Amino acid sequence: MQALLTGEVVPSGIDLNFITSNHPRDTFDRMQGGQEFDCSEMSSSEYICHYAAGERFFTALPVFPSRVFRHGFIAVNSDLVKNPKDLEGKKIGVQLYTMTAAVWIRGLLAQEGVDLSKIEWLEGAMESPGAHGKPKPTALSPSKQVKISQNSSQTKSLSDLLADGEIAATIGADLPTNMGKAPNVKRLFPDFKEAEKKYYRDHGLFPIMHLICIKRSLVQQHPWIPSSLYAAFVKSKNLALQRMKFLGALRYMLPWLPAELDEIEEVFKDTGGDPWPYGVEANRKTLETLVRFLWEQGMIDRQPSFQELFETVRLPQWDI
């Protein structure tokens, strides 16, 4: 995205006003709740859920600016939980049941043999009492019985409740704030990097967190906009990948970036060393899995097709 922010990459025919936000929840709430932007980054699960529920304010581009493996984002009270099956019958904290990170984590736990129907969920903020943001509500399918309550404590965050043993684990987009401080707050998968690499080898999935949504009314008025934006997003991403691989001066504050790049080439050899492909076809398996997880977890009543969810886009035939 950096090249779009700086203006080095300019979408054809569009005078782009690029607004940055330091927290995705703020962006999502402003777009879903107030439709403040013509186009924005958006939670994949929230977009799909609202679409499946009949809302058609937005359409989406097959651009995925955020992807994260999530084995490392399952924290447990080690006095209560030693392995994934121990989570059954427990209360687990989650920032939002409907957030994409939680969808992927529940999916991988189910693949580990955990019966999700035996878990009770407590929603709340990880770092403070109360709620996580101000999301637009997502109605759950009445066909699924999911036990969800809200953190009603006036003094304790999910992190505090975990350390005190009032909940057995937390999942979500963030780790508990007392990770590394409270001795009984630990990761469920201590060697999470190896677990995530194995997950990719076994399933071929690098979980998609966010996509790009755009106001449907704007696309109806200017049907060329999706392809123009998509081409710019692809060009900007390719520039970022190219520059990350330049080792004359390290691009990021990662001391062992050269070794990490070698590892990326090895793990993602099936995608030519590009862990971040855009487009529906390059991400079909991952997107199909996300939609299936949403359905299995009671968040949608039907599994919409990609033709419904994403705009048809094309890249220029020549880039001169």
Protein backbone atom coordinates (compact mmCIF):
# COMPACT_ATOMS: atom_id res chain seq x y z
CA MET A 1 0.00 0.00 0.00
CA GLN A 2 2.95 2.33 0.55
CA ALA A 3 3.30 3.20 -3.14
CA LEU A 4 -0.37 4.19 -3.26
CA LEU A 5 0.04 6.36 -0.16
CA THR A 6 3.08 8.17 -1.56
CA GLY A 7 1.56 8.55 -5.02
CA GLU A 8 4.27 6.50 -6.71
CA VAL A 9 1.46 4.30 -8.03
CA VAL A 10 -1.63 6.12 -9.27
CA PRO A 11 -4.82 4.29 -10.30
CA SER A 12 -5.80 5.29 -13.81
CA GLY A 13 -8.55 7.90 -13.92
CA ILE A 14 -8.82 8.24 -10.13
CA ASP A 15 -7.75 11.13 -7.91
CA LEU A 16 -7.01 9.01 -4.85
CA ASN A 17 -7.26 10.50 -1.36
CA PHE A 18 -5.42 7.86 0.69
CA ILE A 19 -6.38 8.04 4.39
CA THR A 20 -4.36 6.00 6.87
CA SER A 21 -5.68 4.52 10.11
CA ASN A 22 -3.55 2.85 12.74
CA HIS A 23 -6.19 0.34 13.85
CA PRO A 24 -8.27 -1.77 11.47
CA ARG A 25 -11.25 -1.89 13.87
CA ASP A 26 -11.63 1.87 13.54
CA THR A 27 -11.59 1.60 9.74
CA PHE A 28 -14.16 -1.20 9.72
CA ASP A 29 -16.51 0.58 12.10
CA ARG A 30 -16.34 3.81 10.10
CA MET A 31 -17.01 2.01 6.83
CA GLN A 32 -19.70 -0.42 8.01
CA GLY A 33 -21.38 1.97 10.41
CA GLY A 34 -21.07 5.29 8.63
CA GLN A 35 -20.01 4.46 5.05
CA GLU A 36 -17.42 7.22 5.42
CA PHE A 37 -15.22 6.06 2.53
CA ASP A 38 -15.76 5.19 -1.11
CA CYS A 39 -13.34 2.30 -0.73
CA SER A 40 -11.60 0.78 2.27
CA GLU A 41 -9.90 -2.18 3.82
CA MET A 42 -12.51 -4.43 5.43
CA SER A 43 -12.80 -7.53 7.59
CA SER A 44 -13.34 -10.46 5.22
CA SER A 45 -15.76 -12.22 7.56
CA GLU A 46 -17.82 -9.10 8.24
CA TYR A 47 -18.15 -8.31 4.54
CA ILE A 48 -19.21 -11.86 3.65
CA CYS A 49 -21.62 -12.11 6.59
CA HIS A 50 -23.36 -8.84 5.80
CA TYR A 51 -23.56 -9.77 2.13
CA ALA A 52 -25.06 -13.18 2.94
CA ALA A 53 -27.58 -11.45 5.23
CA GLY A 54 -28.83 -9.41 2.27
CA GLU A 55 -26.91 -6.14 2.62
CA ARG A 56 -25.63 -4.85 -0.71
CA PHE A 57 -24.06 -1.50 0.17
CA PHE A 58 -20.60 -2.79 -0.78
CA THR A 59 -18.92 -5.01 -3.29
CA ALA A 60 -15.36 -6.31 -3.04
CA LEU A 61 -12.08 -6.44 -4.93
CA PRO A 62 -9.97 -9.64 -4.74
CA VAL A 63 -7.21 -7.70 -3.00
CA PHE A 64 -6.10 -9.06 0.36
CA PRO A 65 -3.91 -6.58 2.25
CA SER A 66 -3.83 -8.57 5.49
CA ARG A 67 -3.03 -12.25 5.95
CA VAL A 68 -1.89 -13.84 9.21
CA PHE A 69 -1.28 -17.37 10.40
CA ARG A 70 -3.18 -17.67 13.67
CA HIS A 71 -1.75 -20.57 15.68
CA GLY A 72 0.31 -18.04 17.66
CA PHE A 73 -2.79 -16.07 18.70
CA ILE A 74 -4.32 -18.71 20.96
CA ALA A 75 -3.40 -17.93 24.58
CA VAL A 76 -4.33 -20.20 27.46
CA ASN A 77 -4.24 -20.30 31.21
CA SER A 78 -1.70 -23.10 31.55
CA ASP A 79 -3.22 -24.17 34.88
CA LEU A 80 -6.41 -25.09 32.99
CA VAL A 81 -5.36 -25.99 29.44
CA LYS A 82 -2.51 -28.22 28.28
CA ASN A 83 -3.68 -29.22 24.79
CA PRO A 84 -6.41 -28.23 22.30
CA LYS A 85 -8.98 -30.80 23.52
CA ASP A 86 -8.78 -29.25 27.01
CA LEU A 87 -10.64 -26.24 25.57
CA GLU A 88 -13.87 -28.25 25.40
CA GLY A 89 -16.29 -27.35 28.17
CA LYS A 90 -14.44 -24.11 28.88
CA LYS A 91 -15.23 -20.40 28.52
CA ILE A 92 -12.97 -18.66 26.00
CA GLY A 93 -12.50 -14.94 25.54
CA VAL A 94 -12.70 -13.45 22.05
CA GLN A 95 -12.68 -9.81 21.00
CA LEU A 96 -15.56 -10.44 18.58
CA TYR A 97 -17.00 -13.83 17.78
CA THR A 98 -17.46 -12.67 14.18
CA MET A 99 -13.94 -11.28 13.60
CA THR A 100 -11.99 -13.02 10.83
CA ALA A 101 -9.10 -13.98 13.10
CA ALA A 102 -11.50 -15.84 15.40
CA VAL A 103 -13.15 -17.60 12.47
CA TRP A 104 -9.81 -18.99 11.29
CA ILE A 105 -8.75 -19.95 14.81
CA ARG A 106 -11.99 -21.84 15.49
CA GLY A 107 -11.57 -23.54 12.12
CA LEU A 108 -8.05 -24.72 12.88
CA LEU A 109 -9.12 -25.87 16.35
CA ALA A 110 -11.89 -27.94 14.77
CA GLN A 111 -9.28 -29.43 12.44
CA GLU A 112 -7.34 -30.34 15.61
CA GLY A 113 -10.39 -32.29 16.81
CA VAL A 114 -11.90 -29.70 19.16
CA ASP A 115 -15.71 -29.83 19.42
CA LEU A 116 -16.63 -26.15 19.14
CA SER A 117 -20.20 -26.80 20.30
CA LYS A 118 -18.82 -27.49 23.79
CA ILE A 119 -17.26 -24.03 24.15
CA GLU A 120 -18.80 -20.87 25.62
CA TRP A 121 -17.56 -17.53 24.26
CA LEU A 122 -17.05 -14.29 26.13
CA GLU A 123 -16.72 -11.16 23.96
CA GLY A 124 -14.74 -8.14 25.08
CA ALA A 125 -11.65 -6.02 24.68
CA MET A 126 -8.28 -7.63 25.27
CA GLU A 127 -6.70 -4.57 26.91
CA SER A 128 -9.56 -3.05 28.94
CA PRO A 129 -13.03 -3.78 30.35
CA GLY A 130 -15.89 -3.44 27.91
CA ALA A 131 -16.37 -4.07 24.21
CA HIS A 132 -13.88 -4.29 21.35
CA GLY A 133 -14.79 -1.36 19.08
CA LYS A 134 -18.28 -0.49 17.84
CA PRO A 135 -18.96 -3.06 15.12
CA LYS A 136 -22.19 -3.27 13.17
CA PRO A 137 -23.99 -6.33 14.60
CA THR A 138 -23.85 -9.60 12.65
CA ALA A 139 -26.84 -11.89 13.18
CA LEU A 140 -25.92 -15.53 13.73
CA SER A 141 -27.81 -18.35 12.05
CA PRO A 142 -30.64 -19.67 14.24
CA SER A 143 -29.72 -23.17 13.04
CA LYS A 144 -26.52 -23.06 15.13
CA GLN A 145 -26.58 -22.95 18.91
CA VAL A 146 -23.66 -20.72 19.92
CA LYS A 147 -23.23 -19.57 23.51
CA ILE A 148 -21.95 -15.97 23.51
CA SER A 149 -21.97 -13.49 26.38
CA GLN A 150 -20.37 -10.10 26.96
CA ASN A 151 -17.65 -9.20 29.45
CA SER A 152 -19.67 -7.36 32.09
CA SER A 153 -16.75 -6.76 34.45
CA GLN A 154 -16.20 -3.11 35.28
CA THR A 155 -12.55 -3.67 36.17
CA LYS A 156 -11.19 -6.65 34.21
CA SER A 157 -10.21 -7.08 30.57
CA LEU A 158 -10.12 -10.45 28.83
CA SER A 159 -6.40 -10.52 29.62
CA ASP A 160 -7.11 -10.09 33.33
CA LEU A 161 -9.84 -12.73 33.30
CA LEU A 162 -7.45 -15.18 31.64
CA ALA A 163 -4.70 -14.71 34.21
CA ASP A 164 -7.23 -15.02 37.05
CA GLY A 165 -8.61 -18.27 35.65
CA GLU A 166 -12.12 -16.90 35.02
CA ILE A 167 -11.72 -17.86 31.38
CA ALA A 168 -9.50 -20.67 30.09
CA ALA A 169 -8.18 -19.07 26.89
CA THR A 170 -8.37 -16.13 24.52
CA ILE A 171 -8.38 -16.04 20.74
CA GLY A 172 -8.49 -13.15 18.31
CA ALA A 173 -6.43 -10.60 16.46
CA ASP A 174 -4.29 -9.72 19.50
CA LEU A 175 -2.53 -11.55 22.28
CA PRO A 176 -3.35 -10.83 25.94
CA THR A 177 -1.55 -7.78 27.25
CA ASN A 178 -0.14 -9.86 30.12
CA MET A 179 1.52 -12.42 27.85
CA GLY A 180 5.11 -12.71 29.09
CA LYS A 181 4.16 -11.11 32.42
CA ALA A 182 1.68 -13.49 34.03
CA PRO A 183 3.46 -16.86 34.39
CA ASN A 184 0.30 -18.88 33.67
CA VAL A 185 -0.58 -17.05 30.42
CA LYS A 186 1.06 -18.95 27.57
CA ARG A 187 0.54 -19.83 23.93
CA LEU A 188 -1.35 -23.05 23.23
CA PHE A 189 1.22 -23.79 20.53
CA PRO A 190 4.61 -22.71 21.96
CA ASP A 191 6.43 -23.39 18.69
CA PHE A 192 3.72 -21.68 16.70
CA LYS A 193 5.89 -20.92 13.69
CA GLU A 194 6.55 -24.59 13.02
CA ALA A 195 2.86 -25.36 13.62
CA GLU A 196 1.90 -22.70 11.07
CA LYS A 197 4.38 -23.95 8.47
CA LYS A 198 3.01 -27.47 8.91
CA TYR A 199 -0.52 -26.07 8.57
CA TYR A 200 0.43 -24.52 5.25
CA ARG A 201 2.10 -27.72 4.04
CA ASP A 202 -0.90 -29.83 5.09
CA HIS A 203 -3.74 -27.55 4.02
CA GLY A 204 -2.25 -25.03 1.57
CA LEU A 205 -3.83 -22.15 3.52
CA PHE A 206 -2.35 -18.79 4.43
CA PRO A 207 -5.39 -17.24 6.14
CA ILE A 208 -6.85 -14.12 4.56
CA MET A 209 -7.92 -11.51 7.12
CA HIS A 210 -8.93 -8.42 5.14
CA LEU A 211 -10.12 -7.55 1.67
CA ILE A 212 -10.91 -4.29 -0.12
CA CYS A 213 -14.54 -3.20 -0.32
CA ILE A 214 -16.00 -0.43 -2.42
CA LYS A 215 -19.41 1.23 -2.49
CA ARG A 216 -21.65 -0.63 -4.94
CA SER A 217 -23.33 2.62 -6.02
CA LEU A 218 -19.95 3.97 -7.15
CA VAL A 219 -19.22 0.86 -9.21
CA GLN A 220 -22.66 1.00 -10.81
CA GLN A 221 -21.98 4.60 -11.80
CA HIS A 222 -18.38 3.97 -12.95
CA PRO A 223 -17.93 0.28 -13.82
CA TRP A 224 -14.28 0.77 -14.83
CA ILE A 225 -13.21 1.69 -11.29
CA PRO A 226 -12.71 -1.88 -9.94
CA SER A 227 -10.18 -2.80 -12.64
CA SER A 228 -8.35 0.50 -12.29
CA LEU A 229 -8.03 0.10 -8.53
CA TYR A 230 -7.14 -3.58 -8.78
CA ALA A 231 -4.31 -2.88 -11.22
CA ALA A 232 -2.94 -0.20 -8.87
CA PHE A 233 -3.14 -2.48 -5.84
CA VAL A 234 -1.32 -5.26 -7.72
CA LYS A 235 1.42 -2.89 -8.90
CA SER A 236 1.89 -1.47 -5.41
CA LYS A 237 2.10 -4.94 -3.86
CA ASN A 238 4.60 -6.14 -6.45
CA LEU A 239 6.79 -3.13 -5.75
CA ALA A 240 6.68 -3.88 -2.02
CA LEU A 241 7.68 -7.51 -2.60
CA GLN A 242 10.49 -6.52 -4.94
CA ARG A 243 11.88 -3.99 -2.48
CA MET A 244 11.60 -6.34 0.47
CA LYS A 245 13.87 -8.76 -1.41
CA PHE A 246 16.55 -6.12 -2.01
CA LEU A 247 19.30 -6.86 0.51
CA GLY A 248 21.72 -4.00 -0.16
CA ALA A 249 20.00 -2.25 2.76
CA LEU A 250 17.33 -4.04 4.76
CA ARG A 251 13.89 -2.63 4.05
CA TYR A 252 12.44 -3.45 7.45
CA MET A 253 13.69 -3.56 11.05
CA LEU A 254 14.11 -7.34 10.96
CA PRO A 255 17.74 -8.30 11.67
CA TRP A 256 17.39 -11.75 10.07
CA LEU A 257 15.30 -10.65 7.11
CA PRO A 258 17.61 -12.43 4.59
CA ALA A 259 17.02 -15.75 6.35
CA GLU A 260 13.29 -15.04 6.52
CA LEU A 261 13.23 -14.37 2.78
CA ASP A 262 14.94 -17.70 2.11
CA GLU A 263 12.31 -19.39 4.26
CA ILE A 264 9.50 -17.63 2.42
CA GLU A 265 10.90 -18.87 -0.90
CA GLU A 266 11.00 -22.42 0.43
CA VAL A 267 7.57 -22.46 2.11
CA PHE A 268 5.75 -20.59 -0.66
CA LYS A 269 7.48 -22.23 -3.62
CA ASP A 270 4.04 -23.21 -4.98
CA THR A 271 3.27 -19.49 -5.50
CA GLY A 272 6.69 -18.56 -6.85
CA GLY A 273 7.84 -17.16 -3.52
CA ASP A 274 4.93 -14.69 -3.37
CA PRO A 275 3.02 -15.29 -0.12
CA TRP A 276 0.56 -12.50 -0.91
CA PRO A 277 -1.15 -13.25 -4.26
CA TYR A 278 -4.18 -11.22 -5.29
CA GLY A 279 -7.10 -12.38 -7.44
CA VAL A 280 -9.83 -14.95 -6.87
CA GLU A 281 -8.24 -17.93 -8.63
CA ALA A 282 -4.90 -17.67 -6.82
CA ASN A 283 -6.82 -17.67 -3.52
CA ARG A 284 -9.76 -19.94 -4.36
CA LYS A 285 -8.95 -22.66 -1.81
CA THR A 286 -8.38 -20.16 1.00
CA LEU A 287 -11.56 -18.25 0.20
CA GLU A 288 -13.61 -21.44 -0.08
CA THR A 289 -12.32 -22.51 3.34
CA LEU A 290 -13.18 -19.16 4.91
CA VAL A 291 -16.73 -19.23 3.53
CA ARG A 292 -17.16 -22.83 4.71
CA PHE A 293 -15.91 -21.94 8.20
CA LEU A 294 -18.39 -19.05 8.36
CA TRP A 295 -21.21 -21.43 7.47
CA GLU A 296 -20.07 -24.17 9.85
CA GLN A 297 -19.77 -21.66 12.70
CA GLY A 298 -23.30 -20.33 12.27
CA MET A 299 -22.44 -16.93 10.83
CA ILE A 300 -24.11 -17.35 7.42
CA ASP A 301 -27.12 -19.41 6.28
CA ARG A 302 -25.75 -19.98 2.79
CA GLN A 303 -22.38 -19.94 1.09
CA PRO A 304 -22.39 -17.15 -1.53
CA SER A 305 -20.44 -17.65 -4.74
CA PHE A 306 -17.32 -15.66 -5.57
CA GLN A 307 -19.16 -14.22 -8.56
CA GLU A 308 -21.51 -12.61 -6.06
CA LEU A 309 -18.86 -11.48 -3.60
CA PHE A 310 -16.18 -10.07 -5.91
CA GLU A 311 -16.13 -7.70 -8.84
CA THR A 312 -14.77 -9.06 -12.11
CA VAL A 313 -11.46 -7.28 -12.65
CA ARG A 314 -8.70 -7.44 -15.22
CA LEU A 315 -5.18 -6.13 -15.49
CA PRO A 316 -4.03 -4.02 -18.46
CA GLN A 317 -2.74 -6.15 -21.33
CA TRP A 318 0.23 -3.84 -21.73
CA ASP A 319 2.10 -1.82 -19.14
CA ILE A 320 4.29 0.55 -21.13
